[in-house]
């Protein structure tokens, strides 16, 4: 089965401009979809948004939604999410936003604390989906 790397605009252009490491925002192979963790880009400017964790979480999940849609899927197809965050102090705030995107039968998930990112943000969320 061959991997298909998808460009997702405007996210792919934001990543190109930011000089991100090699990777695609989303890849698909057969019925499997893999969405990369992405920094919280400001949808108006394409710059990394320096906003509170609640807004960073919303931006990360809205970008995930765009990637899923580009691959022919939706949040209903998500099987697992990995949440990477710079502090356990953000756990409750992240959960309050996350619940709005997965209100019923949420996918499997982990919340991992990391020391820092290479940019000025606190969260990335990736996922695996099937269609």
N, C-alpha and C. Protein backbone atom coordinates (compact mmCIF):
# COMPACT_ATOMS: atom_id res chain seq x y z
N UNK A 1 0.85 -1.17 0.00
CA UNK A 1 0.00 0.00 0.00
C UNK A 1 0.90 1.24 0.00
N UNK A 2 0.66 2.14 -0.91
CA UNK A 2 1.48 3.34 -1.04
C UNK A 2 0.91 4.49 -0.21
N UNK A 3 1.80 5.22 0.41
CA UNK A 3 1.43 6.40 1.19
C UNK A 3 1.19 7.57 0.24
N UNK A 4 0.10 8.29 0.49
CA UNK A 4 -0.22 9.49 -0.27
C UNK A 4 -0.13 10.69 0.68
N UNK A 5 0.81 11.58 0.41
CA UNK A 5 0.96 12.79 1.21
C UNK A 5 0.07 13.87 0.61
N UNK A 6 -0.74 14.50 1.44
CA UNK A 6 -1.69 15.50 0.95
C UNK A 6 -1.25 16.90 1.38
N UNK A 7 -1.38 17.83 0.46
CA UNK A 7 -1.23 19.25 0.82
C UNK A 7 -2.59 19.73 1.30
N UNK A 8 -2.58 20.53 2.34
CA UNK A 8 -3.81 21.08 2.90
C UNK A 8 -3.60 22.58 3.02
N UNK A 9 -4.31 23.31 2.19
CA UNK A 9 -4.15 24.77 2.25
C UNK A 9 -5.17 25.38 3.20
N UNK A 10 -4.77 26.38 3.93
CA UNK A 10 -3.51 27.11 3.86
C UNK A 10 -2.40 26.53 4.73
N UNK A 11 -2.67 25.41 5.42
CA UNK A 11 -1.71 24.86 6.39
C UNK A 11 -0.38 24.51 5.74
N UNK A 12 -0.40 23.89 4.57
CA UNK A 12 0.85 23.51 3.91
C UNK A 12 1.70 24.74 3.60
N UNK A 13 1.08 25.81 3.17
CA UNK A 13 1.82 27.04 2.91
C UNK A 13 2.39 27.64 4.20
N UNK A 14 1.62 27.57 5.28
CA UNK A 14 2.12 28.05 6.58
C UNK A 14 3.37 27.26 6.98
N UNK A 15 3.30 25.93 6.82
CA UNK A 15 4.43 25.08 7.18
C UNK A 15 5.65 25.39 6.32
N UNK A 16 5.43 25.59 5.02
CA UNK A 16 6.53 25.95 4.12
C UNK A 16 7.19 27.25 4.57
N UNK A 17 6.39 28.23 4.89
CA UNK A 17 6.90 29.53 5.31
C UNK A 17 7.62 29.44 6.65
N UNK A 18 7.11 28.62 7.56
CA UNK A 18 7.69 28.47 8.89
C UNK A 18 9.00 27.69 8.84
N UNK A 19 9.21 26.92 7.76
CA UNK A 19 10.43 26.11 7.66
C UNK A 19 10.37 24.88 8.54
N UNK A 20 9.22 24.24 8.55
CA UNK A 20 9.02 23.07 9.42
C UNK A 20 9.90 21.90 8.97
N UNK A 21 10.09 20.94 9.87
CA UNK A 21 10.85 19.74 9.50
C UNK A 21 10.12 18.96 8.41
N UNK A 22 10.82 18.07 7.72
CA UNK A 22 10.17 17.30 6.64
C UNK A 22 8.97 16.52 7.16
N UNK A 23 7.88 16.64 6.48
CA UNK A 23 6.66 15.93 6.87
C UNK A 23 5.48 16.54 6.15
N UNK A 24 4.37 15.87 6.20
CA UNK A 24 3.13 16.33 5.58
C UNK A 24 2.09 16.55 6.65
N UNK A 25 1.16 17.50 6.43
CA UNK A 25 0.12 17.69 7.43
C UNK A 25 -0.78 16.46 7.59
N UNK A 26 -0.96 15.72 6.49
CA UNK A 26 -1.78 14.52 6.55
C UNK A 26 -1.32 13.55 5.47
N UNK A 27 -1.33 12.26 5.81
CA UNK A 27 -1.06 11.22 4.83
C UNK A 27 -2.19 10.20 4.89
N UNK A 28 -2.35 9.52 3.76
CA UNK A 28 -3.42 8.53 3.65
C UNK A 28 -2.85 7.30 2.95
N UNK A 29 -3.27 6.13 3.41
CA UNK A 29 -2.93 4.87 2.76
C UNK A 29 -4.11 3.94 2.96
N UNK A 30 -4.72 3.55 1.87
CA UNK A 30 -5.92 2.72 1.98
C UNK A 30 -6.98 3.46 2.78
N UNK A 31 -7.47 2.83 3.83
CA UNK A 31 -8.51 3.48 4.66
C UNK A 31 -7.93 4.15 5.91
N UNK A 32 -6.60 4.24 5.99
CA UNK A 32 -5.95 4.84 7.16
C UNK A 32 -5.54 6.28 6.86
N UNK A 33 -5.76 7.16 7.85
CA UNK A 33 -5.41 8.57 7.74
C UNK A 33 -4.59 8.95 8.96
N UNK A 34 -3.48 9.64 8.72
CA UNK A 34 -2.59 10.08 9.80
C UNK A 34 -2.43 11.59 9.71
N UNK A 35 -2.86 12.30 10.75
CA UNK A 35 -2.76 13.76 10.78
C UNK A 35 -1.62 14.14 11.72
N UNK A 36 -0.71 14.97 11.21
CA UNK A 36 0.42 15.44 12.01
C UNK A 36 -0.03 16.42 13.08
N UNK A 37 0.74 16.47 14.16
CA UNK A 37 0.57 17.55 15.12
C UNK A 37 1.07 18.83 14.48
N UNK A 38 0.33 19.90 14.64
CA UNK A 38 0.68 21.17 14.02
C UNK A 38 0.69 22.28 15.05
N UNK A 39 1.55 23.27 14.87
CA UNK A 39 1.49 24.41 15.78
C UNK A 39 0.19 25.18 15.56
N UNK A 40 -0.25 25.94 16.53
CA UNK A 40 -1.50 26.70 16.38
C UNK A 40 -1.29 27.94 15.51
N UNK A 41 -1.50 27.77 14.20
CA UNK A 41 -1.36 28.88 13.28
C UNK A 41 -2.56 29.81 13.35
N UNK A 42 -2.31 31.10 13.35
CA UNK A 42 -3.37 32.10 13.26
C UNK A 42 -3.95 32.02 11.85
N UNK A 43 -5.25 31.73 11.70
CA UNK A 43 -5.83 31.57 10.36
C UNK A 43 -5.82 32.86 9.54
N UNK A 44 -5.68 34.01 10.19
CA UNK A 44 -5.66 35.28 9.47
C UNK A 44 -4.29 35.60 8.90
N UNK A 45 -3.23 35.26 9.66
CA UNK A 45 -1.88 35.67 9.28
C UNK A 45 -0.96 34.54 8.88
N UNK A 46 -1.26 33.31 9.32
CA UNK A 46 -0.37 32.19 9.08
C UNK A 46 0.80 32.12 10.04
N UNK A 47 0.88 33.08 10.95
CA UNK A 47 1.92 33.07 11.97
C UNK A 47 1.45 32.20 13.14
N UNK A 48 2.41 31.74 13.95
CA UNK A 48 2.03 30.99 15.14
C UNK A 48 1.31 31.94 16.10
N UNK A 49 0.13 31.53 16.52
CA UNK A 49 -0.70 32.37 17.38
C UNK A 49 -0.18 32.35 18.81
N UNK A 50 0.09 33.51 19.33
CA UNK A 50 0.51 33.65 20.73
C UNK A 50 -0.73 34.00 21.54
N UNK A 51 -1.48 32.96 21.86
CA UNK A 51 -2.78 33.11 22.52
C UNK A 51 -2.88 32.13 23.68
N UNK A 52 -3.89 32.28 24.55
CA UNK A 52 -4.06 31.35 25.68
C UNK A 52 -4.26 29.91 25.20
N UNK A 53 -4.02 28.98 26.10
CA UNK A 53 -4.07 27.56 25.76
C UNK A 53 -5.42 27.14 25.19
N UNK A 54 -6.51 27.72 25.66
CA UNK A 54 -7.82 27.36 25.11
C UNK A 54 -7.88 27.66 23.62
N UNK A 55 -7.42 28.83 23.22
CA UNK A 55 -7.44 29.20 21.79
C UNK A 55 -6.43 28.38 21.00
N UNK A 56 -5.27 28.09 21.59
CA UNK A 56 -4.30 27.22 20.91
C UNK A 56 -4.92 25.85 20.62
N UNK A 57 -5.67 25.34 21.59
CA UNK A 57 -6.31 24.03 21.44
C UNK A 57 -7.36 24.09 20.33
N UNK A 58 -8.17 25.14 20.32
CA UNK A 58 -9.16 25.31 19.25
C UNK A 58 -8.49 25.35 17.89
N UNK A 59 -7.42 26.11 17.76
CA UNK A 59 -6.72 26.22 16.49
C UNK A 59 -6.15 24.87 16.06
N UNK A 60 -5.57 24.13 17.00
CA UNK A 60 -5.03 22.82 16.67
C UNK A 60 -6.13 21.88 16.17
N UNK A 61 -7.28 21.91 16.82
CA UNK A 61 -8.38 21.03 16.42
C UNK A 61 -9.04 21.49 15.13
N UNK A 62 -9.12 22.78 14.89
CA UNK A 62 -9.65 23.27 13.61
C UNK A 62 -8.73 22.88 12.45
N UNK A 63 -7.43 22.93 12.69
CA UNK A 63 -6.48 22.50 11.66
C UNK A 63 -6.59 21.00 11.44
N UNK A 64 -6.78 20.23 12.50
CA UNK A 64 -6.99 18.80 12.36
C UNK A 64 -8.23 18.53 11.50
N UNK A 65 -9.28 19.30 11.73
CA UNK A 65 -10.52 19.15 10.96
C UNK A 65 -10.24 19.37 9.47
N UNK A 66 -9.49 20.41 9.12
CA UNK A 66 -9.15 20.67 7.72
C UNK A 66 -8.37 19.50 7.11
N UNK A 67 -7.43 18.97 7.87
CA UNK A 67 -6.63 17.85 7.38
C UNK A 67 -7.49 16.60 7.18
N UNK A 68 -8.35 16.33 8.14
CA UNK A 68 -9.25 15.17 8.01
C UNK A 68 -10.15 15.32 6.78
N UNK A 69 -10.72 16.51 6.60
CA UNK A 69 -11.59 16.74 5.45
C UNK A 69 -10.83 16.58 4.13
N UNK A 70 -9.58 17.04 4.07
CA UNK A 70 -8.78 16.89 2.86
C UNK A 70 -8.55 15.43 2.51
N UNK A 71 -8.55 14.57 3.53
CA UNK A 71 -8.34 13.14 3.33
C UNK A 71 -9.65 12.37 3.21
N UNK A 72 -10.78 13.08 3.22
CA UNK A 72 -12.08 12.43 3.07
C UNK A 72 -12.66 11.91 4.37
N UNK A 73 -12.29 12.50 5.49
CA UNK A 73 -12.76 12.02 6.80
C UNK A 73 -13.28 13.19 7.64
N UNK A 74 -13.68 12.86 8.86
CA UNK A 74 -14.17 13.86 9.81
C UNK A 74 -13.77 13.41 11.21
N UNK A 75 -14.13 14.20 12.21
CA UNK A 75 -13.85 13.81 13.59
C UNK A 75 -14.49 12.48 13.95
N UNK A 76 -15.59 12.12 13.30
CA UNK A 76 -16.25 10.83 13.58
C UNK A 76 -15.37 9.64 13.20
N UNK A 77 -14.38 9.86 12.32
CA UNK A 77 -13.50 8.79 11.87
C UNK A 77 -12.24 8.64 12.72
N UNK A 78 -12.04 9.54 13.67
CA UNK A 78 -10.81 9.53 14.48
C UNK A 78 -10.86 8.38 15.49
N UNK A 79 -9.79 7.59 15.49
CA UNK A 79 -9.68 6.46 16.40
C UNK A 79 -8.80 6.79 17.61
N UNK A 80 -7.78 7.65 17.42
CA UNK A 80 -6.82 7.94 18.49
C UNK A 80 -6.24 9.33 18.30
N UNK A 81 -6.12 10.07 19.39
CA UNK A 81 -5.45 11.36 19.40
C UNK A 81 -4.31 11.32 20.40
N UNK A 82 -3.25 12.00 20.08
CA UNK A 82 -2.13 12.21 20.99
C UNK A 82 -2.03 13.71 21.24
N UNK A 83 -2.15 14.10 22.48
CA UNK A 83 -2.07 15.52 22.86
C UNK A 83 -0.70 15.72 23.50
N UNK A 84 0.08 16.62 22.93
CA UNK A 84 1.39 16.97 23.47
C UNK A 84 1.32 18.40 23.97
N UNK A 85 1.61 18.60 25.24
CA UNK A 85 1.42 19.91 25.87
C UNK A 85 2.61 20.22 26.78
N UNK A 86 2.92 21.49 26.92
CA UNK A 86 4.08 21.90 27.70
C UNK A 86 3.86 21.88 29.21
N UNK A 87 2.62 21.69 29.66
CA UNK A 87 2.39 21.68 31.11
C UNK A 87 1.12 20.92 31.48
N UNK A 88 1.21 20.15 32.55
CA UNK A 88 0.02 19.47 33.06
C UNK A 88 -0.98 20.47 33.62
N UNK A 89 -0.55 21.69 33.87
CA UNK A 89 -1.45 22.73 34.36
C UNK A 89 -2.52 23.08 33.33
N UNK A 90 -2.27 22.75 32.07
CA UNK A 90 -3.23 23.03 31.00
C UNK A 90 -4.26 21.92 30.80
N UNK A 91 -4.14 20.82 31.56
CA UNK A 91 -4.97 19.64 31.35
C UNK A 91 -6.47 19.97 31.34
N UNK A 92 -6.96 20.64 32.35
CA UNK A 92 -8.41 20.95 32.45
C UNK A 92 -8.85 21.87 31.32
N UNK A 93 -8.06 22.88 31.00
CA UNK A 93 -8.43 23.82 29.93
C UNK A 93 -8.46 23.12 28.57
N UNK A 94 -7.47 22.29 28.32
CA UNK A 94 -7.44 21.53 27.06
C UNK A 94 -8.66 20.62 26.98
N UNK A 95 -8.97 19.92 28.06
CA UNK A 95 -10.11 19.01 28.07
C UNK A 95 -11.42 19.74 27.81
N UNK A 96 -11.57 20.94 28.34
CA UNK A 96 -12.83 21.68 28.14
C UNK A 96 -13.05 22.00 26.67
N UNK A 97 -11.99 22.30 25.95
CA UNK A 97 -12.11 22.56 24.51
C UNK A 97 -12.26 21.25 23.75
N UNK A 98 -11.44 20.26 24.07
CA UNK A 98 -11.44 18.96 23.40
C UNK A 98 -12.83 18.33 23.42
N UNK A 99 -13.52 18.43 24.56
CA UNK A 99 -14.86 17.85 24.70
C UNK A 99 -15.85 18.43 23.68
N UNK A 100 -15.68 19.68 23.30
CA UNK A 100 -16.57 20.30 22.30
C UNK A 100 -16.40 19.64 20.92
N UNK A 101 -15.21 19.16 20.61
CA UNK A 101 -14.94 18.56 19.31
C UNK A 101 -15.25 17.07 19.29
N UNK A 102 -15.21 16.43 20.45
CA UNK A 102 -15.52 15.00 20.57
C UNK A 102 -16.53 14.81 21.71
N UNK A 103 -17.78 15.30 21.53
CA UNK A 103 -18.74 15.28 22.64
C UNK A 103 -19.30 13.90 22.98
N UNK A 104 -19.34 13.00 22.01
CA UNK A 104 -19.93 11.68 22.23
C UNK A 104 -18.94 10.61 21.79
N UNK A 105 -18.76 9.60 22.61
CA UNK A 105 -17.85 8.50 22.30
C UNK A 105 -16.52 8.99 21.75
N UNK A 106 -15.75 9.75 22.55
CA UNK A 106 -14.48 10.27 22.06
C UNK A 106 -13.48 9.15 21.74
N UNK A 107 -12.52 9.46 20.87
CA UNK A 107 -11.52 8.45 20.51
C UNK A 107 -10.56 8.19 21.68
N UNK A 108 -9.80 7.13 21.55
CA UNK A 108 -8.72 6.87 22.51
C UNK A 108 -7.79 8.08 22.50
N UNK A 109 -7.12 8.32 23.64
CA UNK A 109 -6.30 9.54 23.71
C UNK A 109 -5.24 9.42 24.78
N UNK A 110 -4.12 10.10 24.56
CA UNK A 110 -3.14 10.30 25.61
C UNK A 110 -2.85 11.79 25.72
N UNK A 111 -2.37 12.20 26.88
CA UNK A 111 -1.96 13.58 27.13
C UNK A 111 -0.53 13.48 27.65
N UNK A 112 0.41 13.97 26.86
CA UNK A 112 1.82 13.85 27.19
C UNK A 112 2.40 15.23 27.45
N UNK A 113 3.08 15.39 28.56
CA UNK A 113 3.75 16.65 28.85
C UNK A 113 5.16 16.61 28.26
N UNK A 114 5.50 17.67 27.57
CA UNK A 114 6.82 17.80 26.96
C UNK A 114 7.47 19.07 27.52
N UNK A 115 8.77 19.17 27.49
CA UNK A 115 9.40 20.35 28.08
C UNK A 115 9.17 21.63 27.30
N UNK A 116 9.23 21.58 25.98
CA UNK A 116 9.02 22.78 25.17
C UNK A 116 8.98 22.40 23.70
N UNK A 117 8.53 23.35 22.87
CA UNK A 117 8.54 23.19 21.42
C UNK A 117 9.65 24.05 20.84
N UNK A 118 9.80 23.97 19.56
CA UNK A 118 10.79 24.79 18.86
C UNK A 118 10.22 26.17 18.52
N UNK A 119 9.00 26.42 18.93
CA UNK A 119 8.35 27.71 18.69
C UNK A 119 7.56 28.15 19.90
N UNK A 120 6.96 29.31 19.83
CA UNK A 120 6.24 29.89 20.98
C UNK A 120 4.80 29.39 21.10
N UNK A 121 4.65 28.11 21.37
CA UNK A 121 3.30 27.55 21.54
C UNK A 121 3.37 26.41 22.54
N UNK A 122 2.20 25.99 23.02
CA UNK A 122 2.13 25.02 24.12
C UNK A 122 1.49 23.69 23.77
N UNK A 123 0.96 23.52 22.56
CA UNK A 123 0.21 22.30 22.29
C UNK A 123 0.31 21.90 20.82
N UNK A 124 0.32 20.59 20.60
CA UNK A 124 0.10 19.98 19.30
C UNK A 124 -0.78 18.76 19.55
N UNK A 125 -1.63 18.46 18.59
CA UNK A 125 -2.49 17.26 18.70
C UNK A 125 -2.43 16.56 17.36
N UNK A 126 -2.08 15.27 17.37
CA UNK A 126 -2.13 14.50 16.14
C UNK A 126 -3.21 13.43 16.28
N UNK A 127 -3.50 12.74 15.18
CA UNK A 127 -4.51 11.69 15.26
C UNK A 127 -4.32 10.65 14.16
N UNK A 128 -4.98 9.53 14.39
CA UNK A 128 -5.12 8.45 13.40
C UNK A 128 -6.61 8.26 13.19
N UNK A 129 -7.01 8.18 11.92
CA UNK A 129 -8.42 7.98 11.59
C UNK A 129 -8.55 6.86 10.55
N UNK A 130 -9.73 6.31 10.43
CA UNK A 130 -10.02 5.31 9.41
C UNK A 130 -11.31 5.70 8.69
N UNK A 131 -11.34 5.39 7.40
CA UNK A 131 -12.56 5.63 6.61
C UNK A 131 -12.97 4.34 5.93
